[in-house]
Amino acid sequence: MSGLINITEPAAKQMGEMLQRRGTPDSYVRVGIKTAGCSGLRYRLEYADEPDIGDEKVDAFGVNVLIDAKALIYLIGTEIDYEIEELRSGFVFKNPNQKGECGCGESFTV
């Protein structure tokens, strides 16, 4: 856990497996946001071989995670989890800064 964000063990495990499949277990998963969807913002996960200037580094159960500097103000206090359900699995973001989301749950506002 970081003081900035909390990445649960299931989420860290999934991120680590993603890096393993990519063949770069020592690289990073960068967490950020992008402008998209009907509410305006969408969470983004991407691979990163090196940190960008200003990225915050987080060690999540041995997995290297970066928080995009431009998204940090919107992500402070967020919990990232990974849930497996009968018909869907994926990362779940619980963001205390979120003010609303679109009807399909794919984008949000702060």
C-alpha atoms as a PDB file:
ATOM      1  CA  MET A   1       0.000   0.000   0.000  1.00  0.00           C
ATOM      2  CA  SER A   2       1.112   3.509  -0.811  1.00  0.00           C
ATOM      3  CA  GLY A   3       0.032   6.713   0.869  1.00  0.00           C
ATOM      4  CA  LEU A   4      -1.103   7.846  -2.582  1.00  0.00           C
ATOM      5  CA  ILE A   5      -3.120   4.847  -3.766  1.00  0.00           C
ATOM      6  CA  ASN A   6      -3.894   1.353  -2.510  1.00  0.00           C
ATOM      7  CA  ILE A   7      -3.351  -1.561  -4.869  1.00  0.00           C
ATOM      8  CA  THR A   8      -4.861  -4.746  -3.499  1.00  0.00           C
ATOM      9  CA  GLU A   9      -3.013  -8.032  -3.623  1.00  0.00           C
ATOM     10  CA  PRO A  10      -5.301  -9.484  -6.354  1.00  0.00           C
ATOM     11  CA  ALA A  11      -4.717  -6.377  -8.519  1.00  0.00           C
ATOM     12  CA  ALA A  12      -0.946  -6.532  -7.986  1.00  0.00           C
ATOM     13  CA  LYS A  13      -0.947 -10.239  -8.842  1.00  0.00           C
ATOM     14  CA  GLN A  14      -2.821  -9.566 -12.098  1.00  0.00           C
ATOM     15  CA  MET A  15      -0.447  -6.721 -12.992  1.00  0.00           C
ATOM     16  CA  GLY A  16       2.527  -8.992 -12.314  1.00  0.00           C
ATOM     17  CA  GLU A  17       1.032 -11.691 -14.550  1.00  0.00           C
ATOM     18  CA  MET A  18       0.510  -9.118 -17.307  1.00  0.00           C
ATOM     19  CA  LEU A  19       4.180  -8.095 -17.101  1.00  0.00           C
ATOM     20  CA  GLN A  20       5.250 -11.761 -17.141  1.00  0.00           C
ATOM     21  CA  ARG A  21       3.182 -12.466 -20.288  1.00  0.00           C
ATOM     22  CA  ARG A  22       4.724  -9.396 -21.889  1.00  0.00           C
ATOM     23  CA  GLY A  23       8.164 -10.803 -21.077  1.00  0.00           C
ATOM     24  CA  THR A  24       9.214  -7.763 -19.027  1.00  0.00           C
ATOM     25  CA  PRO A  25       8.643  -8.670 -15.367  1.00  0.00           C
ATOM     26  CA  ASP A  26      10.962  -5.897 -14.141  1.00  0.00           C
ATOM     27  CA  SER A  27       9.232  -3.106 -16.053  1.00  0.00           C
ATOM     28  CA  TYR A  28       6.207  -1.129 -14.864  1.00  0.00           C
ATOM     29  CA  VAL A  29       2.457  -0.800 -15.113  1.00  0.00           C
ATOM     30  CA  ARG A  30       1.517   2.873 -15.294  1.00  0.00           C
ATOM     31  CA  VAL A  31      -1.848   3.984 -13.868  1.00  0.00           C
ATOM     32  CA  GLY A  32      -3.358   7.109 -15.327  1.00  0.00           C
ATOM     33  CA  ILE A  33      -6.479   8.649 -16.754  1.00  0.00           C
ATOM     34  CA  LYS A  34      -7.444   9.840 -20.206  1.00  0.00           C
ATOM     35  CA  THR A  35     -10.201  11.989 -21.635  1.00  0.00           C
ATOM     36  CA  ALA A  36     -12.869   9.610 -22.922  1.00  0.00           C
ATOM     37  CA  GLY A  37     -16.413   8.407 -22.526  1.00  0.00           C
ATOM     38  CA  CYS A  38     -19.616  10.276 -21.891  1.00  0.00           C
ATOM     39  CA  SER A  39     -18.589  11.485 -18.405  1.00  0.00           C
ATOM     40  CA  GLY A  40     -15.204  12.814 -19.461  1.00  0.00           C
ATOM     41  CA  LEU A  41     -12.462  10.650 -17.894  1.00  0.00           C
ATOM     42  CA  ARG A  42     -11.480   6.989 -18.053  1.00  0.00           C
ATOM     43  CA  TYR A  43      -8.878   5.038 -16.087  1.00  0.00           C
ATOM     44  CA  ARG A  44      -5.900   3.820 -18.084  1.00  0.00           C
ATOM     45  CA  LEU A  45      -3.355   1.081 -17.458  1.00  0.00           C
ATOM     46  CA  GLU A  46      -0.352   0.784 -19.752  1.00  0.00           C
ATOM     47  CA  TYR A  47       3.065  -0.812 -19.825  1.00  0.00           C
ATOM     48  CA  ALA A  48       6.103   1.394 -19.213  1.00  0.00           C
ATOM     49  CA  ASP A  49       9.727   0.404 -19.581  1.00  0.00           C
ATOM     50  CA  GLU A  50      10.955   3.491 -17.716  1.00  0.00           C
ATOM     51  CA  PRO A  51       9.300   6.074 -15.449  1.00  0.00           C
ATOM     52  CA  ASP A  52       8.423   9.429 -16.985  1.00  0.00           C
ATOM     53  CA  ILE A  53       9.485  12.620 -15.231  1.00  0.00           C
ATOM     54  CA  GLY A  54       7.187  13.161 -12.262  1.00  0.00           C
ATOM     55  CA  ASP A  55       5.767   9.625 -12.134  1.00  0.00           C
ATOM     56  CA  GLU A  56       5.302   8.325  -8.603  1.00  0.00           C
ATOM     57  CA  LYS A  57       6.702   4.831  -8.020  1.00  0.00           C
ATOM     58  CA  VAL A  58       4.689   2.371  -5.943  1.00  0.00           C
ATOM     59  CA  ASP A  59       5.764  -1.129  -4.922  1.00  0.00           C
ATOM     60  CA  ALA A  60       2.598  -3.221  -4.897  1.00  0.00           C
ATOM     61  CA  PHE A  61       3.372  -6.656  -3.452  1.00  0.00           C
ATOM     62  CA  GLY A  62       6.623  -6.753  -5.435  1.00  0.00           C
ATOM     63  CA  VAL A  63       5.152  -5.341  -8.664  1.00  0.00           C
ATOM     64  CA  ASN A  64       6.477  -2.040 -10.021  1.00  0.00           C
ATOM     65  CA  VAL A  65       3.616   0.431 -10.512  1.00  0.00           C
ATOM     66  CA  LEU A  66       3.818   4.040 -11.658  1.00  0.00           C
ATOM     67  CA  ILE A  67       1.225   6.735 -11.090  1.00  0.00           C
ATOM     68  CA  ASP A  68       1.148   9.156 -14.003  1.00  0.00           C
ATOM     69  CA  ALA A  69       2.118  12.603 -12.725  1.00  0.00           C
ATOM     70  CA  LYS A  70      -0.679  14.279 -14.703  1.00  0.00           C
ATOM     71  CA  ALA A  71      -3.307  11.996 -13.122  1.00  0.00           C
ATOM     72  CA  LEU A  72      -2.011  11.966  -9.559  1.00  0.00           C
ATOM     73  CA  ILE A  73      -4.323  14.711  -8.268  1.00  0.00           C
ATOM     74  CA  TYR A  74      -7.354  12.708  -9.488  1.00  0.00           C
ATOM     75  CA  LEU A  75      -6.108   9.369  -8.134  1.00  0.00           C
ATOM     76  CA  ILE A  76      -5.041  10.192  -4.570  1.00  0.00           C
ATOM     77  CA  GLY A  77      -6.786   7.807  -2.191  1.00  0.00           C
ATOM     78  CA  THR A  78      -7.940   5.437  -4.951  1.00  0.00           C
ATOM     79  CA  GLU A  79      -8.051   1.695  -4.353  1.00  0.00           C
ATOM     80  CA  ILE A  80      -7.348  -0.530  -7.346  1.00  0.00           C
ATOM     81  CA  ASP A  81      -8.690  -4.058  -7.039  1.00  0.00           C
ATOM     82  CA  TYR A  82      -9.072  -6.978  -9.435  1.00  0.00           C
ATOM     83  CA  GLU A  83     -12.367  -8.828  -9.345  1.00  0.00           C
ATOM     84  CA  ILE A  84     -13.311 -12.098 -10.990  1.00  0.00           C
ATOM     85  CA  GLU A  85     -17.027 -12.654 -11.479  1.00  0.00           C
ATOM     86  CA  GLU A  86     -18.963 -15.278 -13.391  1.00  0.00           C
ATOM     87  CA  LEU A  87     -19.351 -13.255 -16.589  1.00  0.00           C
ATOM     88  CA  ARG A  88     -16.676 -10.564 -16.176  1.00  0.00           C
ATOM     89  CA  SER A  89     -13.301  -9.964 -14.673  1.00  0.00           C
ATOM     90  CA  GLY A  90     -11.212  -6.829 -14.515  1.00  0.00           C
ATOM     91  CA  PHE A  91      -9.687  -4.005 -12.558  1.00  0.00           C
ATOM     92  CA  VAL A  92     -12.024  -2.018 -10.319  1.00  0.00           C
ATOM     93  CA  PHE A  93     -11.205   1.539  -9.252  1.00  0.00           C
ATOM     94  CA  LYS A  94     -12.698   2.864  -6.018  1.00  0.00           C
ATOM     95  CA  ASN A  95     -11.911   6.559  -6.170  1.00  0.00           C
ATOM     96  CA  PRO A  96     -12.994   8.891  -3.335  1.00  0.00           C
ATOM     97  CA  ASN A  97     -12.486  11.879  -5.673  1.00  0.00           C
ATOM     98  CA  GLN A  98     -15.062  10.623  -8.168  1.00  0.00           C
ATOM     99  CA  LYS A  99     -18.194  12.779  -8.289  1.00  0.00           C
ATOM    100  CA  GLY A 100     -20.165  10.745 -10.846  1.00  0.00           C
ATOM    101  CA  GLU A 101     -19.993   8.209 -13.613  1.00  0.00           C
ATOM    102  CA  CYS A 102     -21.800   7.447 -16.830  1.00  0.00           C
ATOM    103  CA  GLY A 103     -24.598   4.899 -16.925  1.00  0.00           C
ATOM    104  CA  CYS A 104     -22.390   2.127 -18.302  1.00  0.00           C
ATOM    105  CA  GLY A 105     -19.697   2.762 -15.673  1.00  0.00           C
ATOM    106  CA  GLU A 106     -16.918   3.202 -18.239  1.00  0.00           C
ATOM    107  CA  SER A 107     -16.113   6.840 -17.523  1.00  0.00           C
ATOM    108  CA  PHE A 108     -16.283   9.235 -14.577  1.00  0.00           C
ATOM    109  CA  THR A 109     -16.084  12.859 -13.437  1.00  0.00           C
ATOM    110  CA  VAL A 110     -14.167  14.442 -10.570  1.00  0.00           C
END
